[in-house]
């Protein structure tokens, strides 16, 4: 696998995490001995396991790393006439507001929902984006174990499913189907990624 230039590397051990595989040039794989997705990812953000880049979501969520993706998403939203967009596992919301605002400028009827299992992130987003609450809302939802907000045209999940056990990833896909979404857009690492929930 190709290592991103300037991408942060994880230290030998983050507090509360066990190194499973730290063989170069891969990122270290961490397993947290907590049995809930919410607790696991709360610990990821609390300890800044993925660094400060991307608002704590890691280098892949930095503005530099998402430039091409942001433009492509705005184009896709317009092309498929997506009126309601769910970002499942929205994380730090470091770059997604740029996409959501661009889509809302193109179509004033566009509505954005961000969901994440880390409720402290969601509470923060609700406060930060309160002025946009007419078209932007947030929900604390573990999409791998709870129903997703229903009736969205598109469910977007980027770089999150690889962190889950396979059974939980399948549950997420089931929950997407149950939500009634027309489209699912999933992004992940082509060569694997950090698994933090075993």
Protein backbone atom coordinates (compact mmCIF):
# COMPACT_ATOMS: atom_id res chain seq x y z
CA UNK A 1 0.00 0.00 0.00
CA UNK A 2 1.08 3.56 -0.69
CA UNK A 3 1.52 5.73 2.39
CA UNK A 4 0.09 9.25 2.06
CA UNK A 5 2.78 11.88 2.21
CA UNK A 6 2.31 14.02 5.34
CA UNK A 7 -0.17 11.48 6.71
CA UNK A 8 0.19 11.16 10.48
CA UNK A 9 1.49 7.92 11.85
CA UNK A 10 0.08 6.43 15.00
CA UNK A 11 2.27 6.13 18.03
CA UNK A 12 3.24 2.74 19.42
CA UNK A 13 0.24 2.79 21.74
CA UNK A 14 -2.64 5.14 22.37
CA UNK A 15 -4.07 5.10 25.91
CA UNK A 16 -6.61 2.29 26.31
CA UNK A 17 -5.80 0.67 22.97
CA UNK A 18 -3.84 -2.45 22.14
CA UNK A 19 -1.61 -2.57 19.05
CA UNK A 20 -2.59 -5.56 16.92
CA UNK A 21 -0.45 -5.02 13.82
CA UNK A 22 2.07 -2.24 13.43
CA UNK A 23 4.07 -3.62 10.52
CA UNK A 24 5.25 -0.87 8.14
CA UNK A 25 4.13 0.64 5.86
CA UNK A 26 0.61 -0.03 7.14
CA UNK A 27 -1.02 1.98 9.87
CA UNK A 28 -1.18 0.22 13.18
CA UNK A 29 -4.36 -1.72 13.83
CA UNK A 30 -5.90 -1.02 17.20
CA UNK A 31 -8.47 -2.99 19.14
CA UNK A 32 -10.27 -1.43 22.05
CA UNK A 33 -11.63 -3.74 24.71
CA UNK A 34 -14.95 -1.94 24.96
CA UNK A 35 -18.04 -3.74 23.76
CA UNK A 36 -20.01 -0.88 22.20
CA UNK A 37 -19.42 1.09 19.04
CA UNK A 38 -20.39 4.28 20.87
CA UNK A 39 -17.80 3.78 23.62
CA UNK A 40 -15.12 2.71 21.17
CA UNK A 41 -15.39 5.72 18.91
CA UNK A 42 -15.89 8.13 21.80
CA UNK A 43 -12.50 6.87 23.02
CA UNK A 44 -11.01 7.37 19.53
CA UNK A 45 -12.01 11.05 19.56
CA UNK A 46 -11.25 11.57 23.26
CA UNK A 47 -7.68 10.26 22.89
CA UNK A 48 -7.19 11.75 19.40
CA UNK A 49 -6.14 8.30 18.24
CA UNK A 50 -6.29 9.42 14.61
CA UNK A 51 -4.54 12.72 15.34
CA UNK A 52 -5.86 16.26 15.09
CA UNK A 53 -6.11 16.31 11.29
CA UNK A 54 -9.61 16.41 9.89
CA UNK A 55 -10.98 17.65 13.19
CA UNK A 56 -9.88 14.43 14.88
CA UNK A 57 -11.22 12.13 12.15
CA UNK A 58 -7.74 11.69 10.69
CA UNK A 59 -5.75 12.85 7.69
CA UNK A 60 -8.29 11.35 5.28
CA UNK A 61 -10.82 13.91 6.54
CA UNK A 62 -8.56 16.91 6.05
CA UNK A 63 -9.50 19.57 3.50
CA UNK A 64 -6.49 18.62 1.37
CA UNK A 65 -7.41 14.93 1.30
CA UNK A 66 -11.08 15.57 0.46
CA UNK A 67 -10.77 18.26 -2.24
CA UNK A 68 -11.55 15.96 -5.17
CA UNK A 69 -14.19 14.05 -3.23
CA UNK A 70 -16.04 17.23 -2.26
CA UNK A 71 -16.37 18.35 -5.88
CA UNK A 72 -17.48 14.88 -6.96
CA UNK A 73 -20.12 14.68 -4.21
CA UNK A 74 -21.66 18.04 -5.12
CA UNK A 75 -21.84 16.88 -8.75
CA UNK A 76 -23.35 13.52 -7.78
CA UNK A 77 -25.99 15.16 -5.55
CA UNK A 78 -27.07 17.38 -8.45
CA UNK A 79 -26.91 14.63 -11.09
CA UNK A 80 -29.04 12.18 -9.09
CA UNK A 81 -31.35 14.94 -7.80
CA UNK A 82 -30.64 14.04 -4.19
CA UNK A 83 -32.89 16.17 -1.99
CA UNK A 84 -32.20 14.42 1.32
CA UNK A 85 -28.71 13.25 2.26
CA UNK A 86 -27.68 11.21 5.30
CA UNK A 87 -24.01 11.16 6.25
CA UNK A 88 -23.88 8.10 8.48
CA UNK A 89 -20.82 8.23 10.71
CA UNK A 90 -20.36 11.94 10.04
CA UNK A 91 -17.53 12.17 12.57
CA UNK A 92 -15.98 15.59 13.07
CA UNK A 93 -17.86 17.29 10.20
CA UNK A 94 -14.56 18.91 9.21
CA UNK A 95 -15.16 18.92 5.45
CA UNK A 96 -18.79 17.87 4.88
CA UNK A 97 -20.29 21.33 5.61
CA UNK A 98 -18.59 22.55 2.43
CA UNK A 99 -20.43 19.87 0.43
CA UNK A 100 -23.75 20.41 2.19
CA UNK A 101 -23.66 24.19 1.72
CA UNK A 102 -22.70 23.86 -1.96
CA UNK A 103 -25.56 21.39 -2.53
CA UNK A 104 -27.96 23.68 -0.67
CA UNK A 105 -26.92 26.63 -2.84
CA UNK A 106 -27.63 24.60 -5.99
CA UNK A 107 -30.96 23.34 -4.64
CA UNK A 108 -32.54 25.32 -1.76
CA UNK A 109 -34.72 22.25 -1.00
CA UNK A 110 -31.64 20.13 -0.19
CA UNK A 111 -31.64 18.72 3.36
CA UNK A 112 -28.64 17.25 5.18
CA UNK A 113 -28.62 14.87 8.14
CA UNK A 114 -25.46 13.83 9.93
CA UNK A 115 -25.50 10.84 12.24
CA UNK A 116 -22.82 9.31 14.39
CA UNK A 117 -22.54 6.90 17.31
CA UNK A 118 -20.52 9.47 19.29
CA UNK A 119 -23.22 11.55 20.95
CA UNK A 120 -20.78 14.20 22.17
CA UNK A 121 -19.86 14.94 18.54
CA UNK A 122 -23.53 15.19 17.60
CA UNK A 123 -24.28 17.60 20.47
CA UNK A 124 -21.38 19.76 19.32
CA UNK A 125 -22.64 19.75 15.72
CA UNK A 126 -26.14 20.69 16.84
CA UNK A 127 -24.69 23.75 18.58
CA UNK A 128 -22.23 24.74 15.84
CA UNK A 129 -24.76 24.37 13.01
CA UNK A 130 -27.82 25.69 14.89
CA UNK A 131 -28.18 28.58 12.41
CA UNK A 132 -28.60 26.02 9.60
CA UNK A 133 -31.12 23.84 11.44
CA UNK A 134 -33.87 24.52 8.85
CA UNK A 135 -32.01 22.29 6.40
CA UNK A 136 -29.27 20.59 8.46
CA UNK A 137 -29.91 18.26 11.38
CA UNK A 138 -28.03 15.68 13.42
CA UNK A 139 -28.87 12.44 15.21
CA UNK A 140 -26.93 10.27 17.63
CA UNK A 141 -27.31 6.87 15.95
CA UNK A 142 -25.12 3.79 15.80
CA UNK A 143 -26.14 2.78 12.29
CA UNK A 144 -24.70 -0.70 12.77
CA UNK A 145 -27.09 -1.47 15.64
CA UNK A 146 -29.93 1.05 15.45
CA UNK A 147 -32.36 2.12 12.73
CA UNK A 148 -31.07 4.94 10.55
CA UNK A 149 -33.11 8.10 10.02
CA UNK A 150 -35.72 7.10 7.44
CA UNK A 151 -36.68 8.53 4.09
CA UNK A 152 -33.35 9.92 2.88
CA UNK A 153 -32.58 9.77 -0.83
CA UNK A 154 -28.92 8.92 -0.27
CA UNK A 155 -27.02 7.37 2.61
CA UNK A 156 -23.31 8.19 2.55
CA UNK A 157 -20.77 6.27 4.63
CA UNK A 158 -17.11 7.01 4.08
CA UNK A 159 -14.19 5.25 5.73
CA UNK A 160 -16.26 3.83 8.57
CA UNK A 161 -17.39 0.28 7.78
CA UNK A 162 -13.84 -1.09 7.77
CA UNK A 163 -13.62 -0.20 11.47
CA UNK A 164 -16.49 -2.55 12.33
CA UNK A 165 -16.70 -6.30 12.74
CA UNK A 166 -18.11 -7.87 9.56
CA UNK A 167 -21.41 -8.74 11.28
CA UNK A 168 -21.89 -5.08 12.27
CA UNK A 169 -21.13 -3.92 8.73
CA UNK A 170 -23.84 -6.27 7.44
CA UNK A 171 -26.25 -4.91 10.05
CA UNK A 172 -25.49 -1.40 8.80
CA UNK A 173 -26.30 -2.46 5.22
CA UNK A 174 -29.56 -4.01 6.47
CA UNK A 175 -30.40 -0.77 8.29
CA UNK A 176 -29.77 1.23 5.11
CA UNK A 177 -32.23 -0.99 3.24
CA UNK A 178 -34.77 -0.66 6.06
CA UNK A 179 -34.42 3.15 6.01
CA UNK A 180 -35.95 3.34 2.53
CA UNK A 181 -32.98 5.16 1.01
CA UNK A 182 -32.82 5.18 -2.79
CA UNK A 183 -29.02 5.18 -2.94
CA UNK A 184 -26.07 4.06 -0.81
CA UNK A 185 -22.64 5.56 -1.41
CA UNK A 186 -19.85 3.83 0.51
CA UNK A 187 -16.18 4.67 0.51
CA UNK A 188 -13.39 2.74 2.16
CA UNK A 189 -9.71 1.97 1.87
CA UNK A 190 -8.85 -0.19 -1.10
CA UNK A 191 -6.15 -2.02 0.84
CA UNK A 192 -7.67 -2.32 4.29
CA UNK A 193 -7.64 0.12 7.15
CA UNK A 194 -7.61 0.53 10.88
CA UNK A 195 -9.96 -1.79 12.68
CA UNK A 196 -10.76 -0.45 16.11
CA UNK A 197 -13.65 -2.64 17.22
CA UNK A 198 -12.31 -6.13 16.60
